[in-house]
Amino acid sequence: MAHFPDNAGAPASSRQLANARVVDLNGTPAAITSLQQDGDDMQAWIRLADGMQVLVPVSLLAVQPDGSYRLPFQFRSAPAEAGGAVSSDQVQPQGTQMRFPVMEEELQVDKRLVDTGRGVRLHKTVSEHTERIEQRLMHDELVVEHVPLGRVVSGEAPQTRYEGNTLVVPVLEEVLVVQKQLVLKEEVRITRQQRPIDASQEVSLRTEQVRVERFDEGTSARPH
């Protein structure tokens, strides 16, 4: 089945095609020299390294990732069938023709599974039956024994301990002990302190005065 170029029907601009690099199926390099309009189709003149020129429709040029173009045929296949290569002085832009392979699309029919949404309904039932099994199991039993002691504990209280497979748990009890003791309850402290205070009171004071009288002056005596 023949494969058409990916860009068939999408002609490139004249600026993109000017002097663009072209290779055929064998990788033979060539270059676009000029473009010409043929009705509604654009055609490109391509020059090979030996000077041979071919005219191809622009729609057959498939652009490559590096910006070059690839043709779906070989440059040398058509001239060989025509009876030899055509030199550059024998090829003219007008009237030069070249045969190209005619490609045809074929219809390939395939089938695939499609989920239509319809399915089946499942009903699940559960049945029961009784089965006897025999199995030896281990069973633990605890034997509790109370051992009276009545011993006064001095210091720290005893802790839980193991004696072989026996767990010994001390059981403590506080008891009331009554005894008479001399206790110093308190002390009374008495301290003497002095502080000044201001006091006022009325006191009677006596003052003596002496009056002297002189007889020789004939005047009254004045007190001293």
Protein backbone atom coordinates (compact mmCIF):
# COMPACT_ATOMS: atom_id res chain seq x y z
CA MET A 1 0.00 0.00 0.00
CA ALA A 2 1.46 3.39 -1.03
CA HIS A 3 1.94 6.13 1.61
CA PHE A 4 1.39 9.77 0.73
CA PRO A 5 3.48 12.62 2.23
CA ASP A 6 2.15 14.01 5.52
CA ASN A 7 1.99 17.56 4.14
CA ALA A 8 0.22 16.70 0.88
CA GLY A 9 -2.31 19.37 -0.01
CA ALA A 10 -0.62 21.98 2.24
CA PRO A 11 1.85 23.85 -0.07
CA ALA A 12 4.74 25.66 1.57
CA SER A 13 5.38 29.35 0.99
CA SER A 14 7.78 30.53 -1.73
CA ARG A 15 10.11 31.93 0.92
CA GLN A 16 10.37 28.55 2.66
CA LEU A 17 11.05 26.69 -0.61
CA ALA A 18 13.68 29.09 -2.00
CA ASN A 19 17.03 27.25 -2.16
CA ALA A 20 15.66 24.54 0.14
CA ARG A 21 17.50 21.21 0.35
CA VAL A 22 15.70 18.15 -1.06
CA VAL A 23 16.48 14.42 -0.84
CA ASP A 24 14.82 11.44 -2.53
CA LEU A 25 14.07 7.99 -1.11
CA ASN A 26 17.76 6.99 -1.48
CA GLY A 27 18.97 10.16 0.28
CA THR A 28 20.30 11.73 -2.96
CA PRO A 29 20.72 15.43 -2.23
CA ALA A 30 19.37 18.19 -4.44
CA ALA A 31 18.22 21.80 -4.17
CA ILE A 32 15.21 23.82 -5.31
CA THR A 33 16.30 26.43 -7.90
CA SER A 34 12.99 28.05 -8.91
CA LEU A 35 9.23 27.80 -8.70
CA GLN A 36 6.55 28.08 -11.36
CA GLN A 37 2.78 28.18 -11.30
CA ASP A 38 0.90 25.56 -13.35
CA GLY A 39 -2.77 26.39 -13.07
CA ASP A 40 -3.80 25.92 -9.46
CA ASP A 41 -0.68 23.84 -8.68
CA MET A 42 2.76 25.11 -7.74
CA GLN A 43 5.74 23.23 -9.21
CA ALA A 44 9.38 23.36 -8.22
CA TRP A 45 12.53 22.96 -10.34
CA ILE A 46 15.03 20.78 -8.49
CA ARG A 47 18.73 20.60 -9.47
CA LEU A 48 20.84 17.58 -8.60
CA ALA A 49 24.56 17.68 -7.83
CA ASP A 50 25.43 16.57 -11.41
CA GLY A 51 23.36 19.40 -12.90
CA MET A 52 20.28 17.35 -13.82
CA GLN A 53 16.98 19.19 -13.20
CA VAL A 54 13.55 17.73 -12.53
CA LEU A 55 10.15 19.41 -12.18
CA VAL A 56 7.97 18.13 -9.34
CA PRO A 57 4.70 19.34 -7.75
CA VAL A 58 5.22 21.21 -4.49
CA SER A 59 2.50 19.06 -2.90
CA LEU A 60 4.87 16.03 -3.05
CA LEU A 61 7.48 17.73 -0.85
CA ALA A 62 7.38 16.42 2.72
CA VAL A 63 9.04 18.73 5.24
CA GLN A 64 11.61 17.14 7.58
CA PRO A 65 12.48 18.12 11.22
CA ASP A 66 15.73 19.78 10.04
CA GLY A 67 13.87 22.05 7.58
CA SER A 68 14.73 20.06 4.42
CA TYR A 69 12.21 18.32 2.15
CA ARG A 70 11.85 14.70 1.08
CA LEU A 71 10.34 13.26 -2.13
CA PRO A 72 8.51 9.90 -2.26
CA PHE A 73 10.52 8.59 -5.25
CA GLN A 74 14.06 8.23 -6.60
CA PHE A 75 15.65 10.81 -8.87
CA ARG A 76 17.40 8.17 -11.02
CA SER A 77 14.51 5.73 -11.54
CA ALA A 78 12.55 7.69 -14.19
CA PRO A 79 15.50 8.75 -16.40
CA ALA A 80 16.80 5.15 -16.47
CA GLU A 81 13.51 3.92 -17.93
CA ALA A 82 13.57 6.74 -20.49
CA GLY A 83 16.92 5.55 -21.84
CA GLY A 84 19.62 7.31 -19.81
CA ALA A 85 20.38 10.44 -17.78
CA VAL A 86 19.53 13.87 -19.10
CA SER A 87 22.36 16.43 -19.04
CA SER A 88 21.89 20.00 -17.88
CA ASP A 89 22.29 21.47 -21.44
CA GLN A 90 19.54 19.15 -22.75
CA VAL A 91 16.98 20.05 -20.05
CA GLN A 92 15.00 23.24 -20.54
CA PRO A 93 12.57 24.77 -18.02
CA GLN A 94 9.76 24.61 -20.58
CA GLY A 95 8.57 21.21 -21.86
CA THR A 96 10.71 19.08 -19.50
CA GLN A 97 8.72 16.18 -18.17
CA MET A 98 9.33 13.42 -15.66
CA ARG A 99 7.27 10.38 -14.78
CA PHE A 100 6.23 9.81 -11.17
CA PRO A 101 4.79 6.77 -9.50
CA VAL A 102 1.00 6.88 -9.33
CA MET A 103 -0.22 6.31 -5.78
CA GLU A 104 -3.64 5.13 -4.74
CA GLU A 105 -5.22 4.91 -1.35
CA GLU A 106 -6.62 1.53 -0.41
CA LEU A 107 -9.30 0.89 2.14
CA GLN A 108 -8.25 -1.37 4.97
CA VAL A 109 -11.11 -2.75 7.03
CA ASP A 110 -10.54 -3.92 10.57
CA LYS A 111 -12.78 -4.72 13.50
CA ARG A 112 -12.48 -4.10 17.22
CA LEU A 113 -14.43 -4.90 20.34
CA VAL A 114 -16.70 -2.17 21.68
CA ASP A 115 -18.20 -2.14 25.16
CA THR A 116 -21.95 -1.70 24.60
CA GLY A 117 -22.74 -1.46 28.30
CA ARG A 118 -24.80 -4.66 28.33
CA GLY A 119 -23.59 -7.51 30.50
CA VAL A 120 -24.76 -10.49 32.50
CA ARG A 121 -26.29 -10.66 35.96
CA LEU A 122 -24.72 -13.04 38.44
CA HIS A 123 -26.53 -14.52 41.41
CA LYS A 124 -24.35 -15.98 44.16
CA THR A 125 -25.68 -18.40 46.73
CA VAL A 126 -23.89 -19.59 49.86
CA SER A 127 -24.33 -23.10 51.23
CA GLU A 128 -23.26 -24.24 54.69
CA HIS A 129 -22.23 -27.64 56.03
CA THR A 130 -20.94 -28.87 59.37
CA GLU A 131 -17.55 -30.49 59.74
CA ARG A 132 -16.03 -31.89 62.97
CA ILE A 133 -12.38 -31.31 63.68
CA GLU A 134 -10.23 -32.66 66.52
CA GLN A 135 -7.52 -30.40 67.89
CA ARG A 136 -5.61 -30.45 71.22
CA LEU A 137 -5.65 -27.07 72.88
CA MET A 138 -3.75 -25.74 75.88
CA HIS A 139 -5.73 -24.31 78.79
CA ASP A 140 -4.24 -22.17 81.55
CA GLU A 141 -5.61 -22.15 85.07
CA LEU A 142 -4.67 -19.84 87.94
CA VAL A 143 -4.37 -21.16 91.52
CA VAL A 144 -4.67 -18.37 94.07
CA GLU A 145 -3.28 -19.01 97.58
CA HIS A 146 -3.38 -16.56 100.47
CA VAL A 147 -0.43 -16.85 102.89
CA PRO A 148 -0.85 -14.82 106.12
CA LEU A 149 2.36 -13.15 107.37
CA GLY A 150 1.60 -10.29 109.82
CA ARG A 151 5.15 -8.94 109.66
CA VAL A 152 6.00 -5.29 110.20
CA VAL A 153 7.62 -3.75 107.14
CA SER A 154 10.56 -1.48 107.79
CA GLY A 155 12.04 0.60 104.98
CA GLU A 156 10.70 0.32 101.42
CA ALA A 157 7.57 -1.68 100.64
CA PRO A 158 8.22 -5.07 98.97
CA GLN A 159 7.61 -5.30 95.20
CA THR A 160 5.82 -7.89 93.10
CA ARG A 161 8.16 -10.76 92.17
CA TYR A 162 8.26 -14.18 90.52
CA GLU A 163 9.27 -17.36 92.32
CA GLY A 164 9.49 -19.88 89.50
CA ASN A 165 6.05 -19.91 87.85
CA THR A 166 4.44 -18.32 90.90
CA LEU A 167 3.72 -14.61 90.92
CA VAL A 168 3.99 -13.24 94.47
CA VAL A 169 1.95 -10.07 95.03
CA PRO A 170 2.53 -8.41 98.44
CA VAL A 171 -0.65 -7.18 100.14
CA LEU A 172 0.05 -4.22 102.47
CA GLU A 173 -2.14 -2.71 105.14
CA GLU A 174 -1.70 0.35 107.33
CA VAL A 175 -2.52 -0.12 111.03
CA LEU A 176 -2.99 2.51 113.75
CA VAL A 177 -0.23 2.63 116.45
CA VAL A 178 -1.03 4.63 119.69
CA GLN A 179 1.81 5.82 121.93
CA LYS A 180 2.55 8.80 124.25
CA GLN A 181 5.36 11.16 123.35
CA LEU A 182 6.59 14.51 124.67
CA VAL A 183 6.15 17.08 121.96
CA LEU A 184 7.53 20.62 122.06
CA LYS A 185 4.45 22.52 121.03
CA GLU A 186 5.72 26.14 120.90
CA GLU A 187 8.06 28.75 122.41
CA VAL A 188 7.08 32.17 123.75
CA ARG A 189 9.75 34.78 123.04
CA ILE A 190 9.69 38.15 125.02
CA THR A 191 11.95 41.00 123.87
CA ARG A 192 12.30 44.42 125.59
CA GLN A 193 12.35 47.41 123.26
CA GLN A 194 12.71 51.18 123.98
CA ARG A 195 11.23 53.94 121.92
CA PRO A 196 10.96 57.72 122.59
CA ILE A 197 7.57 59.37 123.11
CA ASP A 198 6.67 63.06 123.41
CA ALA A 199 4.77 63.94 126.61
CA SER A 200 3.45 67.38 127.80
CA GLN A 201 2.21 68.45 131.24
CA GLU A 202 1.81 71.64 133.33
CA VAL A 203 4.41 72.27 136.07
CA SER A 204 4.26 75.14 138.66
CA LEU A 205 7.55 76.91 139.12
CA ARG A 206 8.24 79.57 141.76
CA THR A 207 10.31 82.67 141.21
CA GLU A 208 11.57 84.93 144.01
CA GLN A 209 11.70 88.71 143.60
CA VAL A 210 13.50 91.17 145.93
CA ARG A 211 12.31 94.73 146.44
CA VAL A 212 14.84 97.16 147.84
CA GLU A 213 13.75 100.46 149.33
CA ARG A 214 16.36 103.19 149.96
CA PHE A 215 15.49 105.69 152.63
CA ASP A 216 18.20 108.17 151.86
CA GLU A 217 16.87 109.04 148.46
CA GLY A 218 13.38 109.63 149.60
CA THR A 219 12.01 107.76 146.68
CA SER A 220 10.25 104.50 146.26
CA ALA A 221 12.36 101.46 146.10
CA ARG A 222 12.54 99.60 142.76
CA PRO A 223 12.44 95.90 142.61
CA HIS A 224 15.54 93.95 141.57
